[in-house]
Amino acid sequence: MTQASAANPRHAKGWSVDPFDNWWHTGSLPGTSTRAVRTHGGFCWAAFVNGRRMSPPADRDRDDLLWNMARNVKGWQA
C-alpha cells in the first residue's frame, strides 16, 4: 500500500510517500480539508480543518504547522 511505483516515486496506492518512509494522505470537501500522516518513526496523526483554501502556500503552512507540533511533543502518557 505504501510502495511507490516506478512511474511516480512520490505516490503509492492511495498514499503520498517520500524517501524518508513518511506516508500521508490529504483530502477535502467544500468547507473542510484533512491530512493523515504516518512518520518514519511510527508516529501518526490526523488533522481536520474547518476551511478549504486550495493553494500551495496554504497547504504548506498547514503541513509545516502539523510537523512543528509533532516535533515539539516530548513524550506521551499511556
N, C-alpha and C. Protein backbone atom coordinates (compact mmCIF):
# COMPACT_ATOMS: atom_id res chain seq x y z
N MET A 1 0.81 -1.20 0.00
CA MET A 1 0.00 0.00 0.00
C MET A 1 0.86 1.26 0.00
N THR A 2 2.07 1.17 0.52
CA THR A 2 2.94 2.35 0.58
C THR A 2 4.17 2.22 -0.31
N GLN A 3 4.18 1.22 -1.15
CA GLN A 3 5.30 1.03 -2.08
C GLN A 3 5.09 1.92 -3.30
N ALA A 4 5.99 2.87 -3.49
CA ALA A 4 5.87 3.78 -4.63
C ALA A 4 6.07 3.03 -5.94
N SER A 5 5.48 3.56 -6.98
CA SER A 5 5.63 2.94 -8.30
C SER A 5 6.81 3.55 -9.03
N ALA A 6 7.32 2.84 -10.02
CA ALA A 6 8.41 3.36 -10.82
C ALA A 6 7.96 4.57 -11.63
N ALA A 7 6.68 4.58 -12.01
CA ALA A 7 6.15 5.68 -12.81
C ALA A 7 6.03 6.97 -12.01
N ASN A 8 5.76 6.86 -10.70
CA ASN A 8 5.62 8.04 -9.85
C ASN A 8 6.15 7.72 -8.46
N PRO A 9 7.43 8.01 -8.20
CA PRO A 9 8.05 7.62 -6.93
C PRO A 9 7.53 8.37 -5.70
N ARG A 10 6.66 9.35 -5.88
CA ARG A 10 6.10 10.09 -4.73
C ARG A 10 4.71 9.62 -4.35
N HIS A 11 4.16 8.65 -5.09
CA HIS A 11 2.81 8.17 -4.81
C HIS A 11 2.76 6.65 -4.82
N ALA A 12 2.02 6.11 -3.86
CA ALA A 12 1.79 4.68 -3.78
C ALA A 12 0.30 4.44 -4.04
N LYS A 13 -0.24 3.39 -3.51
CA LYS A 13 -1.65 3.06 -3.71
C LYS A 13 -2.53 3.84 -2.74
N GLY A 14 -2.78 5.10 -3.05
CA GLY A 14 -3.63 5.94 -2.22
C GLY A 14 -2.87 6.83 -1.25
N TRP A 15 -1.58 6.64 -1.10
CA TRP A 15 -0.77 7.43 -0.18
C TRP A 15 0.32 8.18 -0.92
N SER A 16 0.63 9.36 -0.43
CA SER A 16 1.84 10.05 -0.88
C SER A 16 2.96 9.51 0.00
N VAL A 17 4.14 9.35 -0.56
CA VAL A 17 5.28 8.80 0.17
C VAL A 17 6.51 9.63 -0.14
N ASP A 18 7.50 9.54 0.75
CA ASP A 18 8.77 10.20 0.47
C ASP A 18 9.92 9.24 0.75
N PRO A 19 11.15 9.60 0.38
CA PRO A 19 12.29 8.70 0.58
C PRO A 19 12.60 8.42 2.05
N PHE A 20 12.03 9.19 2.98
CA PHE A 20 12.29 9.02 4.40
C PHE A 20 11.31 8.06 5.06
N ASP A 21 10.43 7.42 4.28
CA ASP A 21 9.41 6.48 4.76
C ASP A 21 8.31 7.17 5.55
N ASN A 22 7.98 8.40 5.19
CA ASN A 22 6.78 9.07 5.71
C ASN A 22 5.66 8.83 4.72
N TRP A 23 4.43 8.65 5.20
CA TRP A 23 3.27 8.46 4.35
C TRP A 23 2.22 9.47 4.74
N TRP A 24 1.44 9.96 3.80
CA TRP A 24 0.35 10.88 4.12
C TRP A 24 -0.71 10.84 3.04
N HIS A 25 -1.87 11.29 3.44
CA HIS A 25 -2.99 11.38 2.51
C HIS A 25 -3.77 12.64 2.86
N THR A 26 -4.16 13.38 1.86
CA THR A 26 -4.93 14.60 2.07
C THR A 26 -6.26 14.48 1.34
N GLY A 27 -7.20 15.28 1.77
CA GLY A 27 -8.50 15.30 1.11
C GLY A 27 -9.25 16.55 1.49
N SER A 28 -10.34 16.80 0.79
CA SER A 28 -11.16 17.96 1.13
C SER A 28 -12.55 17.81 0.55
N LEU A 29 -13.45 18.48 1.19
CA LEU A 29 -14.82 18.69 0.72
C LEU A 29 -15.08 20.17 0.89
N PRO A 30 -16.11 20.72 0.29
CA PRO A 30 -16.37 22.15 0.47
C PRO A 30 -16.43 22.52 1.96
N GLY A 31 -15.57 23.42 2.37
CA GLY A 31 -15.54 23.90 3.74
C GLY A 31 -14.65 23.12 4.68
N THR A 32 -13.99 22.05 4.22
CA THR A 32 -13.13 21.26 5.08
C THR A 32 -11.89 20.80 4.32
N SER A 33 -10.85 20.48 5.07
CA SER A 33 -9.69 19.80 4.48
C SER A 33 -9.09 18.90 5.55
N THR A 34 -8.44 17.83 5.12
CA THR A 34 -7.89 16.84 6.05
C THR A 34 -6.49 16.43 5.64
N ARG A 35 -5.78 15.90 6.61
CA ARG A 35 -4.45 15.34 6.36
C ARG A 35 -4.22 14.24 7.39
N ALA A 36 -3.81 13.08 6.93
CA ALA A 36 -3.43 11.97 7.81
C ALA A 36 -1.97 11.64 7.50
N VAL A 37 -1.17 11.46 8.54
CA VAL A 37 0.27 11.27 8.38
C VAL A 37 0.73 10.09 9.22
N ARG A 38 1.65 9.33 8.69
CA ARG A 38 2.39 8.32 9.44
C ARG A 38 3.86 8.61 9.18
N THR A 39 4.62 8.91 10.25
CA THR A 39 6.02 9.27 10.09
C THR A 39 6.90 8.02 10.04
N HIS A 40 8.13 8.23 9.63
CA HIS A 40 9.10 7.12 9.56
C HIS A 40 9.32 6.48 10.93
N GLY A 41 9.09 7.23 12.00
CA GLY A 41 9.25 6.70 13.35
C GLY A 41 8.00 6.02 13.89
N GLY A 42 6.94 5.96 13.09
CA GLY A 42 5.71 5.31 13.52
C GLY A 42 4.71 6.21 14.21
N PHE A 43 5.00 7.50 14.30
CA PHE A 43 4.08 8.46 14.91
C PHE A 43 3.01 8.81 13.88
N CYS A 44 1.76 8.79 14.30
CA CYS A 44 0.64 9.06 13.38
C CYS A 44 -0.21 10.20 13.89
N TRP A 45 -0.76 10.97 12.98
CA TRP A 45 -1.72 11.99 13.35
C TRP A 45 -2.67 12.24 12.20
N ALA A 46 -3.81 12.82 12.55
CA ALA A 46 -4.79 13.25 11.55
C ALA A 46 -5.27 14.63 11.95
N ALA A 47 -5.46 15.48 10.97
CA ALA A 47 -5.93 16.84 11.21
C ALA A 47 -7.12 17.11 10.30
N PHE A 48 -8.14 17.70 10.89
CA PHE A 48 -9.35 18.08 10.16
C PHE A 48 -9.53 19.58 10.35
N VAL A 49 -9.60 20.31 9.26
CA VAL A 49 -9.63 21.77 9.32
C VAL A 49 -10.97 22.27 8.77
N ASN A 50 -11.54 23.22 9.48
CA ASN A 50 -12.80 23.84 9.06
C ASN A 50 -12.47 24.98 8.10
N GLY A 51 -12.12 24.62 6.91
CA GLY A 51 -11.77 25.59 5.87
C GLY A 51 -11.16 24.87 4.70
N ARG A 52 -11.28 25.43 3.56
CA ARG A 52 -10.76 24.79 2.36
C ARG A 52 -10.11 25.83 1.46
N ARG A 53 -8.89 26.19 1.78
CA ARG A 53 -8.12 27.07 0.90
C ARG A 53 -7.21 26.18 0.07
N MET A 54 -7.50 26.09 -1.19
CA MET A 54 -6.76 25.21 -2.09
C MET A 54 -5.65 25.99 -2.77
N SER A 55 -4.56 26.19 -2.06
CA SER A 55 -3.42 26.88 -2.66
C SER A 55 -2.15 26.28 -2.07
N PRO A 56 -1.10 26.19 -2.87
CA PRO A 56 0.15 25.64 -2.34
C PRO A 56 0.65 26.32 -1.07
N PRO A 57 0.60 27.67 -0.94
CA PRO A 57 1.07 28.27 0.31
C PRO A 57 0.23 27.84 1.52
N ALA A 58 -1.08 27.76 1.37
CA ALA A 58 -1.94 27.36 2.50
C ALA A 58 -1.67 25.90 2.87
N ASP A 59 -1.51 25.03 1.88
CA ASP A 59 -1.20 23.62 2.15
C ASP A 59 0.13 23.49 2.87
N ARG A 60 1.13 24.22 2.41
CA ARG A 60 2.46 24.16 3.02
C ARG A 60 2.40 24.69 4.46
N ASP A 61 1.67 25.77 4.70
CA ASP A 61 1.54 26.32 6.05
C ASP A 61 0.90 25.31 7.00
N ARG A 62 -0.16 24.64 6.56
CA ARG A 62 -0.81 23.63 7.41
C ARG A 62 0.14 22.47 7.68
N ASP A 63 0.83 22.01 6.64
CA ASP A 63 1.76 20.91 6.80
C ASP A 63 2.89 21.28 7.76
N ASP A 64 3.47 22.45 7.60
CA ASP A 64 4.54 22.91 8.49
C ASP A 64 4.06 23.00 9.94
N LEU A 65 2.85 23.53 10.15
CA LEU A 65 2.30 23.63 11.49
C LEU A 65 2.19 22.26 12.15
N LEU A 66 1.66 21.28 11.43
CA LEU A 66 1.50 19.94 11.99
C LEU A 66 2.83 19.28 12.30
N TRP A 67 3.79 19.39 11.39
CA TRP A 67 5.11 18.81 11.65
C TRP A 67 5.79 19.50 12.84
N ASN A 68 5.67 20.81 12.95
CA ASN A 68 6.25 21.51 14.09
C ASN A 68 5.60 21.08 15.40
N MET A 69 4.29 20.90 15.40
CA MET A 69 3.61 20.42 16.61
C MET A 69 4.12 19.03 16.98
N ALA A 70 4.24 18.14 16.01
CA ALA A 70 4.70 16.78 16.30
C ALA A 70 6.14 16.78 16.82
N ARG A 71 6.98 17.62 16.27
CA ARG A 71 8.38 17.67 16.71
C ARG A 71 8.52 18.19 18.15
N ASN A 72 7.56 18.96 18.61
CA ASN A 72 7.63 19.53 19.94
C ASN A 72 7.04 18.67 21.04
N VAL A 73 6.49 17.52 20.70
CA VAL A 73 5.98 16.60 21.72
C VAL A 73 7.18 15.89 22.34
N LYS A 74 7.36 16.07 23.65
CA LYS A 74 8.49 15.47 24.35
C LYS A 74 8.22 14.03 24.72
N GLY A 75 6.99 13.67 24.95
CA GLY A 75 6.64 12.30 25.31
C GLY A 75 5.15 12.18 25.49
N TRP A 76 4.66 10.96 25.44
CA TRP A 76 3.23 10.71 25.55
C TRP A 76 2.96 9.91 26.82
N GLN A 77 1.87 10.21 27.48
CA GLN A 77 1.47 9.43 28.64
C GLN A 77 0.57 8.29 28.17
N ALA A 78 0.71 7.15 28.82
CA ALA A 78 -0.11 5.98 28.45
C ALA A 78 -1.46 6.07 29.11
